[in-house]
């Protein structure tokens, strides 16, 4: 064996080890996260203009998601933010107690909740991974707005808008953190393929 061959084999072994180290040990299925995103998006239309004043009091922490994914720890943070955001938001999407002014179809809300629960089961190993202090003030603010009868509908709309933004960002900027069922075809999330065709 020549020195070149030995070096080539060593490089392949090292790159395989790097790939294994970079993959999260507690994966979330990207297809399921994408499905949750689509169901959440399909619940209603765009964010209502009359809710903008309430949205000023509710803003998802921009520091929760890393700007770019370069290593295992950042992937784990992304997966935790997706998991924890959906877990915290779950009870707020109770189809039996939607606030007055929210006109989402009950079947759509139930389907969203079922997929949300599936994702919660799949990602249960992420529970306690991140720092809940990052998201706690945000969900505390959302809860406070939801508890006020005159702002509850806008609070839920703001939560939906923020969750959509988090899921889109995670699927777009941190795609490699998720596992995907079919990697032989173009598996970029459909929402992103639609955008690229529109340009």
Protein backbone atom coordinates (compact mmCIF):
# COMPACT_ATOMS: atom_id res chain seq x y z
CA UNK A 1 0.00 0.00 0.00
CA UNK A 2 1.36 3.41 -0.92
CA UNK A 3 1.49 6.35 1.42
CA UNK A 4 -1.21 8.06 -0.64
CA UNK A 5 -3.56 5.10 -0.21
CA UNK A 6 -2.98 4.99 3.53
CA UNK A 7 -3.65 8.73 3.83
CA UNK A 8 -6.83 8.39 1.77
CA UNK A 9 -8.14 5.60 4.00
CA UNK A 10 -7.31 7.61 7.15
CA UNK A 11 -9.09 10.66 5.76
CA UNK A 12 -12.20 8.59 5.04
CA UNK A 13 -12.21 7.10 8.53
CA UNK A 14 -11.75 10.54 10.11
CA UNK A 15 -14.54 12.08 8.03
CA UNK A 16 -16.88 9.23 9.02
CA UNK A 17 -16.10 9.84 12.69
CA UNK A 18 -16.75 13.57 12.27
CA UNK A 19 -20.12 12.82 10.68
CA UNK A 20 -21.07 10.58 13.59
CA UNK A 21 -20.00 13.18 16.16
CA UNK A 22 -21.91 15.94 14.36
CA UNK A 23 -25.22 14.04 14.35
CA UNK A 24 -27.42 14.64 17.39
CA UNK A 25 -27.78 11.68 19.73
CA UNK A 26 -31.43 12.54 20.26
CA UNK A 27 -32.76 13.26 16.78
CA UNK A 28 -36.05 14.77 15.70
CA UNK A 29 -37.57 13.66 12.44
CA UNK A 30 -37.48 16.58 10.00
CA UNK A 31 -40.51 15.28 8.11
CA UNK A 32 -42.57 15.39 11.31
CA UNK A 33 -41.38 18.91 12.19
CA UNK A 34 -42.26 19.97 8.65
CA UNK A 35 -45.71 18.38 8.99
CA UNK A 36 -46.29 20.25 12.28
CA UNK A 37 -45.24 23.47 10.54
CA UNK A 38 -47.69 22.93 7.68
CA UNK A 39 -50.57 22.08 10.01
CA UNK A 40 -49.86 25.16 12.11
CA UNK A 41 -49.64 27.33 8.99
CA UNK A 42 -52.94 25.96 7.68
CA UNK A 43 -54.84 26.80 10.88
CA UNK A 44 -55.42 30.36 9.78
CA UNK A 45 -54.46 33.28 7.60
CA UNK A 46 -51.84 35.97 8.05
CA UNK A 47 -51.22 37.72 11.36
CA UNK A 48 -54.07 40.21 11.97
CA UNK A 49 -53.03 43.87 11.83
CA UNK A 50 -55.20 44.73 14.84
CA UNK A 51 -53.04 42.37 16.94
CA UNK A 52 -49.77 44.23 16.30
CA UNK A 53 -49.93 46.23 19.58
CA UNK A 54 -50.19 42.97 21.57
CA UNK A 55 -47.33 41.43 19.63
CA UNK A 56 -45.02 44.16 20.95
CA UNK A 57 -45.28 42.55 24.41
CA UNK A 58 -44.61 39.07 23.06
CA UNK A 59 -41.40 38.45 21.16
CA UNK A 60 -39.61 35.15 20.83
CA UNK A 61 -36.01 35.44 22.09
CA UNK A 62 -33.73 35.83 19.08
CA UNK A 63 -30.88 34.24 21.02
CA UNK A 64 -32.73 30.93 21.41
CA UNK A 65 -31.64 29.56 18.02
CA UNK A 66 -27.97 29.68 17.01
CA UNK A 67 -27.25 31.74 13.90
CA UNK A 68 -25.67 28.80 12.10
CA UNK A 69 -25.18 25.16 12.88
CA UNK A 70 -21.57 24.11 13.02
CA UNK A 71 -21.41 21.48 15.73
CA UNK A 72 -23.22 18.92 17.83
CA UNK A 73 -23.98 21.32 20.71
CA UNK A 74 -25.64 23.83 18.38
CA UNK A 75 -27.73 21.08 16.76
CA UNK A 76 -28.81 19.90 20.17
CA UNK A 77 -29.83 23.49 21.05
CA UNK A 78 -31.89 23.80 17.85
CA UNK A 79 -33.68 20.51 18.48
CA UNK A 80 -34.34 21.49 22.09
CA UNK A 81 -35.79 24.89 21.08
CA UNK A 82 -38.14 23.22 18.56
CA UNK A 83 -39.17 20.54 21.06
CA UNK A 84 -39.55 22.85 24.06
CA UNK A 85 -41.42 25.54 22.11
CA UNK A 86 -44.00 23.05 20.90
CA UNK A 87 -44.28 21.41 24.34
CA UNK A 88 -44.84 24.75 26.09
CA UNK A 89 -47.32 25.89 23.43
CA UNK A 90 -49.31 22.64 23.47
CA UNK A 91 -51.84 23.45 26.19
CA UNK A 92 -52.47 26.87 24.63
CA UNK A 93 -53.84 25.21 21.50
CA UNK A 94 -56.56 23.33 23.36
CA UNK A 95 -59.36 23.05 20.77
CA UNK A 96 -61.99 22.95 23.53
CA UNK A 97 -60.97 26.32 24.96
CA UNK A 98 -59.85 28.49 22.05
CA UNK A 99 -60.34 32.18 22.84
CA UNK A 100 -63.28 34.10 21.37
CA UNK A 101 -62.27 35.53 18.01
CA UNK A 102 -60.17 32.52 16.99
CA UNK A 103 -62.08 30.79 14.20
CA UNK A 104 -59.83 27.83 13.47
CA UNK A 105 -61.49 24.61 12.36
CA UNK A 106 -61.65 22.13 15.22
CA UNK A 107 -60.47 19.22 13.03
CA UNK A 108 -57.39 21.17 11.94
CA UNK A 109 -56.54 22.06 15.53
CA UNK A 110 -56.98 18.42 16.60
CA UNK A 111 -54.75 17.19 13.77
CA UNK A 112 -52.10 19.77 14.68
CA UNK A 113 -52.26 18.70 18.35
CA UNK A 114 -51.92 15.01 17.40
CA UNK A 115 -48.77 15.70 15.36
CA UNK A 116 -47.50 17.99 18.12
CA UNK A 117 -47.98 15.14 20.61
CA UNK A 118 -46.14 12.73 18.29
CA UNK A 119 -43.24 15.14 18.09
CA UNK A 120 -43.32 15.48 21.88
CA UNK A 121 -43.01 11.71 22.27
CA UNK A 122 -40.24 11.47 19.70
CA UNK A 123 -38.28 14.29 21.29
CA UNK A 124 -38.84 13.37 24.93
CA UNK A 125 -35.10 12.65 25.24
CA UNK A 126 -34.57 16.40 24.70
CA UNK A 127 -36.48 17.29 27.84
CA UNK A 128 -34.14 19.17 30.16
CA UNK A 129 -31.37 19.49 27.57
CA UNK A 130 -31.49 23.26 27.15
CA UNK A 131 -31.83 26.15 29.50
CA UNK A 132 -35.53 26.73 30.19
CA UNK A 133 -34.55 30.23 31.33
CA UNK A 134 -34.20 31.19 27.65
CA UNK A 135 -37.85 30.48 26.78
CA UNK A 136 -39.56 30.87 30.17
CA UNK A 137 -40.02 34.68 30.03
CA UNK A 138 -41.49 34.43 26.52
CA UNK A 139 -44.06 31.80 27.49
CA UNK A 140 -44.83 33.70 30.68
CA UNK A 141 -45.66 36.78 28.56
CA UNK A 142 -47.80 34.70 26.18
CA UNK A 143 -49.70 33.19 29.11
CA UNK A 144 -50.32 36.65 30.61
CA UNK A 145 -51.76 37.93 27.31
CA UNK A 146 -53.90 34.78 26.88
CA UNK A 147 -55.38 35.22 30.34
CA UNK A 148 -56.76 38.66 29.48
CA UNK A 149 -60.09 38.18 27.75
CA UNK A 150 -59.72 41.17 25.40
CA UNK A 151 -56.27 40.11 24.16
CA UNK A 152 -56.46 36.30 24.27
CA UNK A 153 -57.14 35.83 20.54
CA UNK A 154 -54.25 38.13 19.60
CA UNK A 155 -51.99 36.32 22.07
CA UNK A 156 -52.72 32.98 20.40
CA UNK A 157 -52.19 34.51 16.95
CA UNK A 158 -48.83 35.93 18.08
CA UNK A 159 -47.81 32.55 19.49
CA UNK A 160 -48.74 30.86 16.21
CA UNK A 161 -46.75 33.45 14.22
CA UNK A 162 -43.68 32.98 16.44
CA UNK A 163 -43.87 29.18 16.31
CA UNK A 164 -44.10 29.31 12.52
CA UNK A 165 -41.03 31.52 12.45
CA UNK A 166 -39.06 29.20 14.76
CA UNK A 167 -39.99 26.11 12.74
CA UNK A 168 -39.19 27.79 9.41
CA UNK A 169 -35.82 28.98 10.71
CA UNK A 170 -34.98 25.57 12.14
CA UNK A 171 -35.98 23.75 8.95
CA UNK A 172 -34.16 26.22 6.71
CA UNK A 173 -30.97 27.12 8.60
CA UNK A 174 -30.50 23.95 10.63
CA UNK A 175 -31.81 21.29 8.27
CA UNK A 176 -28.89 18.93 8.92
CA UNK A 177 -29.79 18.74 12.61
CA UNK A 178 -32.91 16.73 11.75
CA UNK A 179 -33.20 13.19 10.46
CA UNK A 180 -35.08 12.76 7.18
CA UNK A 181 -36.91 9.67 5.94
CA UNK A 182 -35.83 9.91 2.30
CA UNK A 183 -32.42 11.39 1.59
CA UNK A 184 -32.15 10.28 -2.06
CA UNK A 185 -34.40 13.04 -3.44
CA UNK A 186 -34.53 16.78 -2.78
CA UNK A 187 -35.57 16.76 0.86
CA UNK A 188 -35.42 20.48 1.51
CA UNK A 189 -38.64 21.30 3.27
CA UNK A 190 -41.46 21.92 0.79
CA UNK A 191 -42.05 25.38 2.17
CA UNK A 192 -38.52 26.31 1.13
CA UNK A 193 -38.79 24.72 -2.33
CA UNK A 194 -41.97 26.73 -2.95
CA UNK A 195 -40.12 29.93 -2.08
CA UNK A 196 -37.20 29.16 -4.41
CA UNK A 197 -39.60 28.47 -7.33
CA UNK A 198 -41.34 31.77 -6.70
CA UNK A 199 -38.13 33.78 -7.30
